[in-house]
Amino acid sequence: MITRSDVEALVPEDVSKEIFKTVAESSIIMKLGRKLPNLAAGVRRMPVMSALPMAYFVDGVPGDVNPSGDNAVGFKQTTAAEWKNKFLYAEEIACIVPIPISALEDAFYDIWGEIKPYIGEAMGAVFDAAVLHGTNAPASWPDDLVLGATTAGNVVALGDLGDLYDDVMGYDADTDTPGLISHVETDGYLPTGFVSGVTMRGRLRGLRADNGAGLPLFKPAGEGMKPATSPDVLDGLPLYFSTNGALDESEALLIVGDWDKLVYAFRSDLTYKILTEAVIQDPTTQQIIYNLAQQDMVALRCYMRIGWQLPNPVNRINTNEATRYPFAVLTPGSVSP
């Protein structure tokens, strides 16, 4: 019989750190967003400026007389700065890895070398899907990026402004309609990167400056002087393709934004529990997938606590929070992805 103490030794502290590393490497949100220090509690309060102070020219000096006859000149006007709170809530993401006992009995089998990438990929995909689309997201988390951009009006459907170049790079001055990047800029933010679906890669390879007459705007990783480990580049900004299945291309083909405004933080280190006599069910169908006791298996349940937030502080370009958002989304529209 393999007891709990027999298998707990399989998860040393350095392995936990390695799993955290693979989670971050698998998540495009963690690659582009800004990581805050670990949370000391389950909630962090984040003061966000909601109103900016204003400055004014001072006409004359106190005692001067206005043409209207009063002497209300030379007085410096008062101003105010307002703050409000947003909260970052740490919620649990879990992953269960069934392991055949026969694999554990093989002393030459690198069980952790085999499992770590899959744990990281699974947790990274769950986090990305929740942030991008709100998929199974906790109620305490903010609106997902696609919903937030849509609510703010930062959406371009494929073909809205013309070809792909116009949709992404352009701005229709005749109708005052911004393209994808311009939506972010007109809200007072400077884009720092893109997230895209894999099916968009073919379209982006044909994207060229000057409405198709100039140099390519999309540069695959490793091209030119860039190291092969660097991301792809679009219009000089890093571009990551979602390969973990988190991006739903029926809702979003391309997302651009100021990713420095998106913050996330872990609550604690990775925690694990060994299951020796349990059943694992499909959460949708309730069908039993594994019966550990009958199938001579154990299962490793890993879980971490993480939260994210989008403070979206006021800026002087767009002071209206209802229409101000640091992300914009290119949707398929009537075109199949």
Protein backbone atom coordinates (compact mmCIF):
# COMPACT_ATOMS: atom_id res chain seq x y z
CA MET A 1 0.00 0.00 0.00
CA ILE A 2 1.33 3.46 -0.92
CA THR A 3 0.51 5.76 1.96
CA ARG A 4 0.21 9.54 2.05
CA SER A 5 3.68 9.88 3.60
CA ASP A 6 5.16 7.78 0.81
CA VAL A 7 4.03 10.12 -1.96
CA GLU A 8 4.17 13.52 -0.25
CA ALA A 9 7.94 13.38 -0.56
CA LEU A 10 7.44 13.64 -4.31
CA VAL A 11 6.60 17.35 -3.98
CA PRO A 12 9.66 19.13 -2.56
CA GLU A 13 9.67 22.91 -2.17
CA ASP A 14 11.82 23.53 -5.24
CA VAL A 15 9.29 21.60 -7.35
CA SER A 16 6.51 23.88 -6.12
CA LYS A 17 8.54 26.87 -7.30
CA GLU A 18 9.09 25.23 -10.66
CA ILE A 19 5.35 24.70 -11.07
CA PHE A 20 4.74 28.37 -10.33
CA LYS A 21 7.29 29.20 -13.00
CA THR A 22 5.59 27.00 -15.58
CA VAL A 23 2.20 28.58 -14.73
CA ALA A 24 3.64 32.02 -15.48
CA GLU A 25 5.26 30.77 -18.69
CA SER A 26 2.00 29.19 -19.88
CA SER A 27 -0.15 32.25 -19.19
CA ILE A 28 -0.12 35.11 -21.69
CA ILE A 29 -1.83 37.32 -19.10
CA MET A 30 1.05 36.80 -16.68
CA LYS A 31 3.58 37.49 -19.43
CA LEU A 32 2.04 40.83 -20.35
CA GLY A 33 0.44 41.95 -17.07
CA ARG A 34 2.21 43.43 -14.05
CA LYS A 35 2.85 41.18 -11.07
CA LEU A 36 2.38 42.67 -7.63
CA PRO A 37 4.01 41.36 -4.44
CA ASN A 38 2.32 38.33 -2.93
CA LEU A 39 -0.83 39.11 -0.96
CA ALA A 40 -0.52 39.04 2.82
CA ALA A 41 -4.26 38.40 3.04
CA GLY A 42 -7.01 37.24 0.73
CA VAL A 43 -7.92 40.82 -0.25
CA ARG A 44 -5.84 43.86 -1.16
CA ARG A 45 -7.33 47.36 -1.27
CA MET A 46 -6.05 49.49 -4.13
CA PRO A 47 -6.72 53.26 -3.95
CA VAL A 48 -7.38 54.56 -7.47
CA MET A 49 -7.56 58.22 -8.46
CA SER A 50 -11.02 59.06 -9.78
CA ALA A 51 -10.68 62.84 -10.21
CA LEU A 52 -7.60 64.83 -11.17
CA PRO A 53 -6.49 68.14 -9.68
CA MET A 54 -6.75 71.15 -11.99
CA ALA A 55 -4.42 74.11 -12.38
CA TYR A 56 -5.31 77.65 -13.51
CA PHE A 57 -3.60 80.84 -14.57
CA VAL A 58 -3.85 83.63 -12.03
CA ASP A 59 -4.72 87.01 -13.55
CA GLY A 60 -3.29 90.03 -11.82
CA VAL A 61 -2.46 90.28 -8.14
CA PRO A 62 -4.74 90.64 -5.13
CA GLY A 63 -6.13 94.17 -4.93
CA ASP A 64 -6.33 94.75 -8.68
CA VAL A 65 -9.73 95.84 -9.98
CA ASN A 66 -11.54 93.96 -12.75
CA PRO A 67 -13.18 95.90 -15.58
CA SER A 68 -16.49 94.85 -14.07
CA GLY A 69 -15.69 96.87 -11.00
CA ASP A 70 -15.02 94.12 -8.45
CA ASN A 71 -11.63 93.27 -7.09
CA ALA A 72 -11.87 89.46 -7.35
CA VAL A 73 -8.58 89.05 -9.17
CA GLY A 74 -5.30 87.51 -8.14
CA PHE A 75 -7.08 84.77 -6.21
CA LYS A 76 -5.83 81.23 -6.71
CA GLN A 77 -8.65 78.77 -7.37
CA THR A 78 -9.10 75.70 -5.22
CA THR A 79 -8.97 72.18 -6.66
CA ALA A 80 -9.55 68.64 -5.47
CA ALA A 81 -8.23 65.14 -6.12
CA GLU A 82 -10.59 62.25 -5.45
CA TRP A 83 -9.78 58.61 -4.72
CA LYS A 84 -11.82 55.44 -4.60
CA ASN A 85 -11.01 51.85 -3.73
CA LYS A 86 -10.77 48.80 -5.93
CA PHE A 87 -10.10 45.39 -4.43
CA LEU A 88 -7.96 42.49 -5.56
CA TYR A 89 -9.41 39.18 -4.37
CA ALA A 90 -7.34 36.00 -4.28
CA GLU A 91 -9.34 33.01 -5.49
CA GLU A 92 -8.37 29.35 -5.76
CA ILE A 93 -7.42 27.57 -8.98
CA ALA A 94 -7.01 23.81 -8.67
CA CYS A 95 -5.67 21.03 -10.83
CA ILE A 96 -5.94 17.27 -10.24
CA VAL A 97 -3.35 14.96 -11.79
CA PRO A 98 -4.13 11.21 -11.64
CA ILE A 99 -0.98 9.10 -11.40
CA PRO A 100 -0.79 5.31 -11.89
CA ILE A 101 0.85 3.61 -8.94
CA SER A 102 2.99 1.64 -11.37
CA ALA A 103 4.59 4.91 -12.47
CA LEU A 104 5.45 5.78 -8.89
CA GLU A 105 7.04 2.38 -8.36
CA ASP A 106 9.46 2.94 -11.24
CA ALA A 107 12.46 4.53 -9.60
CA PHE A 108 13.90 5.66 -12.93
CA TYR A 109 10.78 7.51 -14.03
CA ASP A 110 11.03 11.30 -13.72
CA ILE A 111 7.44 11.77 -12.62
CA TRP A 112 7.78 15.48 -11.94
CA GLY A 113 9.59 16.17 -15.17
CA GLU A 114 6.57 14.69 -16.92
CA ILE A 115 3.82 16.33 -14.87
CA LYS A 116 5.06 19.88 -14.19
CA PRO A 117 4.42 21.29 -17.69
CA TYR A 118 0.85 19.99 -17.71
CA ILE A 119 0.05 21.45 -14.29
CA GLY A 120 1.42 24.82 -15.36
CA GLU A 121 -0.43 24.73 -18.67
CA ALA A 122 -3.75 23.80 -17.05
CA MET A 123 -3.59 26.51 -14.39
CA GLY A 124 -2.35 29.13 -16.83
CA ALA A 125 -5.19 28.34 -19.25
CA VAL A 126 -7.84 28.61 -16.52
CA PHE A 127 -6.50 31.98 -15.38
CA ASP A 128 -6.24 33.33 -18.94
CA ALA A 129 -9.76 32.25 -19.88
CA ALA A 130 -11.19 33.92 -16.78
CA VAL A 131 -9.36 37.19 -17.45
CA LEU A 132 -9.99 37.26 -21.20
CA HIS A 133 -13.60 36.01 -21.32
CA GLY A 134 -14.78 35.58 -17.73
CA THR A 135 -14.95 31.81 -18.21
CA ASN A 136 -15.85 30.28 -14.81
CA ALA A 137 -14.46 33.43 -13.19
CA PRO A 138 -15.19 34.07 -9.50
CA ALA A 139 -17.84 36.71 -8.83
CA SER A 140 -15.31 38.78 -6.86
CA TRP A 141 -13.12 39.35 -9.94
CA PRO A 142 -13.62 42.34 -12.26
CA ASP A 143 -15.24 42.15 -15.69
CA ASP A 144 -13.16 40.24 -18.21
CA LEU A 145 -11.21 42.13 -20.87
CA VAL A 146 -13.58 41.36 -23.75
CA LEU A 147 -16.62 42.46 -21.76
CA GLY A 148 -14.85 45.53 -20.40
CA ALA A 149 -13.72 46.65 -23.85
CA THR A 150 -17.17 46.00 -25.29
CA THR A 151 -18.89 48.00 -22.53
CA ALA A 152 -16.52 50.92 -23.15
CA GLY A 153 -17.14 50.77 -26.91
CA ASN A 154 -13.58 49.71 -27.72
CA VAL A 155 -14.54 47.11 -30.31
CA VAL A 156 -13.76 46.81 -34.02
CA ALA A 157 -15.38 44.07 -36.10
CA LEU A 158 -13.25 42.62 -38.86
CA GLY A 159 -13.91 44.69 -42.00
CA ASP A 160 -15.46 47.69 -40.20
CA LEU A 161 -12.88 50.17 -41.48
CA GLY A 162 -11.86 48.35 -44.65
CA ASP A 163 -9.09 45.79 -44.76
CA LEU A 164 -7.16 44.35 -41.82
CA TYR A 165 -4.62 47.18 -41.95
CA ASP A 166 -7.34 49.80 -41.53
CA ASP A 167 -9.10 47.79 -38.81
CA VAL A 168 -5.96 47.47 -36.70
CA MET A 169 -3.75 50.44 -37.60
CA GLY A 170 -6.13 53.01 -39.06
CA TYR A 171 -8.43 55.84 -38.09
CA ASP A 172 -11.34 56.89 -40.29
CA ALA A 173 -11.21 60.70 -40.11
CA ASP A 174 -14.35 61.12 -42.21
CA THR A 175 -16.54 59.28 -39.72
CA ASP A 176 -14.28 59.86 -36.67
CA THR A 177 -14.05 56.08 -36.22
CA PRO A 178 -10.90 54.77 -34.50
CA GLY A 179 -9.23 51.54 -35.44
CA LEU A 180 -8.19 48.96 -32.88
CA ILE A 181 -5.01 50.66 -31.63
CA SER A 182 -6.58 54.12 -31.79
CA HIS A 183 -9.36 53.04 -29.43
CA VAL A 184 -6.76 52.54 -26.69
CA GLU A 185 -4.88 55.72 -27.52
CA THR A 186 -7.97 57.94 -27.58
CA ASP A 187 -8.74 56.71 -24.07
CA GLY A 188 -5.39 58.05 -22.89
CA TYR A 189 -3.32 54.87 -22.90
CA LEU A 190 -0.27 53.76 -24.85
CA PRO A 191 -0.55 50.11 -26.00
CA THR A 192 2.20 47.78 -24.82
CA GLY A 193 1.27 44.49 -26.51
CA PHE A 194 -1.17 42.22 -28.34
CA VAL A 195 -2.84 38.89 -27.71
CA SER A 196 -4.13 36.98 -30.71
CA GLY A 197 -5.76 33.77 -31.77
CA VAL A 198 -3.71 31.27 -33.73
CA THR A 199 -5.96 31.52 -36.78
CA MET A 200 -5.02 35.19 -37.07
CA ARG A 201 -1.37 34.35 -37.70
CA GLY A 202 -1.98 33.75 -41.41
CA ARG A 203 -3.85 37.04 -41.80
CA LEU A 204 -1.14 38.95 -39.91
CA ARG A 205 1.64 37.61 -42.12
CA GLY A 206 0.12 39.59 -45.00
CA LEU A 207 -0.29 42.79 -42.98
CA ARG A 208 1.88 45.55 -44.46
CA ALA A 209 2.38 49.25 -43.86
CA ASP A 210 0.86 51.86 -46.17
CA ASN A 211 -2.27 49.81 -46.80
CA GLY A 212 -0.40 46.84 -48.17
CA ALA A 213 2.27 48.68 -50.13
CA GLY A 214 5.02 48.82 -47.52
CA LEU A 215 7.05 46.58 -45.26
CA PRO A 216 5.44 43.78 -43.21
CA LEU A 217 4.14 44.91 -39.82
CA PHE A 218 4.13 41.40 -38.37
CA LYS A 219 7.54 39.91 -37.60
CA PRO A 220 7.74 36.31 -36.37
CA ALA A 221 9.90 35.54 -33.34
CA GLY A 222 13.58 35.04 -34.11
CA GLU A 223 13.52 37.14 -37.28
CA GLY A 224 16.40 39.56 -37.77
CA MET A 225 18.35 40.44 -34.63
CA LYS A 226 15.72 39.24 -32.17
CA PRO A 227 16.52 36.07 -30.17
CA ALA A 228 14.39 33.06 -30.95
CA THR A 229 12.96 33.17 -27.40
CA SER A 230 11.43 36.62 -27.91
CA PRO A 231 7.75 37.02 -28.82
CA ASP A 232 6.40 37.85 -32.23
CA VAL A 233 6.12 41.55 -33.00
CA LEU A 234 3.28 43.59 -34.49
CA ASP A 235 3.81 47.31 -35.13
CA GLY A 236 6.85 47.18 -32.85
CA LEU A 237 4.93 45.69 -29.90
CA PRO A 238 5.13 42.12 -28.52
CA LEU A 239 2.44 39.79 -29.83
CA TYR A 240 1.55 36.54 -28.07
CA PHE A 241 -0.56 33.83 -29.67
CA SER A 242 -2.84 31.97 -27.29
CA THR A 243 -1.98 28.29 -27.70
CA ASN A 244 -3.49 27.06 -24.42
CA GLY A 245 -7.07 27.33 -25.67
CA ALA A 246 -7.96 30.26 -23.41
CA LEU A 247 -8.79 32.74 -26.18
CA ASP A 248 -12.19 32.18 -27.79
CA GLU A 249 -11.71 33.33 -31.36
CA SER A 250 -15.45 33.48 -31.95
CA GLU A 251 -15.40 36.48 -29.58
CA ALA A 252 -11.94 37.98 -30.07
CA LEU A 253 -9.34 37.66 -32.82
CA LEU A 254 -6.94 40.26 -31.50
CA ILE A 255 -6.69 42.17 -28.22
CA VAL A 256 -4.45 45.20 -27.78
CA GLY A 257 -3.96 47.24 -24.65
CA ASP A 258 -1.83 48.88 -22.02
CA TRP A 259 -0.98 45.70 -20.13
CA ASP A 260 0.87 47.60 -17.40
CA LYS A 261 -2.56 48.61 -16.12
CA LEU A 262 -3.53 44.97 -15.52
CA VAL A 263 -2.13 43.71 -12.22
CA TYR A 264 -2.21 40.30 -10.57
CA ALA A 265 -0.86 38.78 -7.38
CA PHE A 266 -0.55 35.37 -5.73
CA ARG A 267 -1.86 34.80 -2.24
CA SER A 268 0.47 31.98 -1.25
CA ASP A 269 2.75 29.31 -2.58
CA LEU A 270 1.43 26.31 -4.43
CA THR A 271 -0.35 23.84 -2.12
CA TYR A 272 -0.89 20.18 -2.81
CA LYS A 273 -2.79 17.22 -1.42
CA ILE A 274 -2.44 13.54 -2.20
CA LEU A 275 -5.67 11.65 -2.90
CA THR A 276 -5.42 7.88 -2.46
CA GLU A 277 -9.03 6.69 -2.29
CA ALA A 278 -11.35 8.97 -4.21
CA VAL A 279 -13.31 9.26 -7.41
CA ILE A 280 -12.80 12.03 -9.96
CA GLN A 281 -15.92 13.20 -11.76
CA ASP A 282 -16.59 15.30 -14.81
CA PRO A 283 -17.99 18.58 -13.39
CA THR A 284 -20.49 18.87 -16.24
CA THR A 285 -21.80 15.35 -16.72
CA GLN A 286 -21.01 14.06 -13.20
CA GLN A 287 -19.63 10.95 -14.87
CA ILE A 288 -16.88 9.17 -12.95
CA ILE A 289 -13.63 9.48 -14.87
CA TYR A 290 -11.28 7.76 -12.42
CA ASN A 291 -11.86 5.53 -9.41
CA LEU A 292 -8.48 5.66 -7.74
CA ALA A 293 -8.91 2.62 -5.50
CA GLN A 294 -10.19 0.35 -8.25
CA GLN A 295 -7.71 1.52 -10.87
CA ASP A 296 -4.58 1.38 -8.68
CA MET A 297 -3.98 5.10 -8.90
CA VAL A 298 -3.28 8.09 -6.71
CA ALA A 299 -4.02 11.72 -7.62
CA LEU A 300 -2.14 14.90 -6.90
CA ARG A 301 -4.40 17.88 -6.23
CA CYS A 302 -2.49 21.15 -6.71
CA TYR A 303 -4.04 24.50 -6.02
CA MET A 304 -2.97 28.11 -5.81
CA ARG A 305 -4.69 31.39 -4.93
CA ILE A 306 -4.43 34.31 -7.32
CA GLY A 307 -6.28 37.53 -8.03
CA TRP A 308 -6.22 40.28 -10.64
CA GLN A 309 -7.55 43.78 -11.05
CA LEU A 310 -7.72 46.60 -13.59
CA PRO A 311 -7.55 49.87 -11.61
CA ASN A 312 -8.23 52.09 -14.69
CA PRO A 313 -7.32 55.40 -13.00
CA VAL A 314 -8.56 58.66 -14.45
CA ASN A 315 -6.34 60.40 -17.00
CA ARG A 316 -6.50 63.78 -18.73
CA ILE A 317 -7.32 62.38 -22.17
CA ASN A 318 -10.54 60.65 -21.13
CA THR A 319 -11.99 61.45 -17.71
CA ASN A 320 -15.17 59.41 -18.27
CA GLU A 321 -14.76 55.98 -16.66
CA ALA A 322 -17.75 54.60 -18.57
CA THR A 323 -15.94 55.02 -21.90
CA ARG A 324 -12.33 54.81 -20.69
CA TYR A 325 -10.69 51.40 -20.92
CA PRO A 326 -7.07 50.38 -21.57
CA PHE A 327 -7.96 47.52 -23.95
CA ALA A 328 -9.63 47.11 -27.34
CA VAL A 329 -10.88 43.99 -29.12
CA LEU A 330 -11.01 42.95 -32.78
CA THR A 331 -13.98 40.64 -33.27
CA PRO A 332 -14.78 38.36 -36.20
CA GLY A 333 -18.03 40.18 -36.98
CA SER A 334 -19.73 38.32 -39.81
CA VAL A 335 -16.40 36.80 -40.91
CA SER A 336 -15.62 33.30 -39.66
CA PRO A 337 -12.33 33.13 -37.70
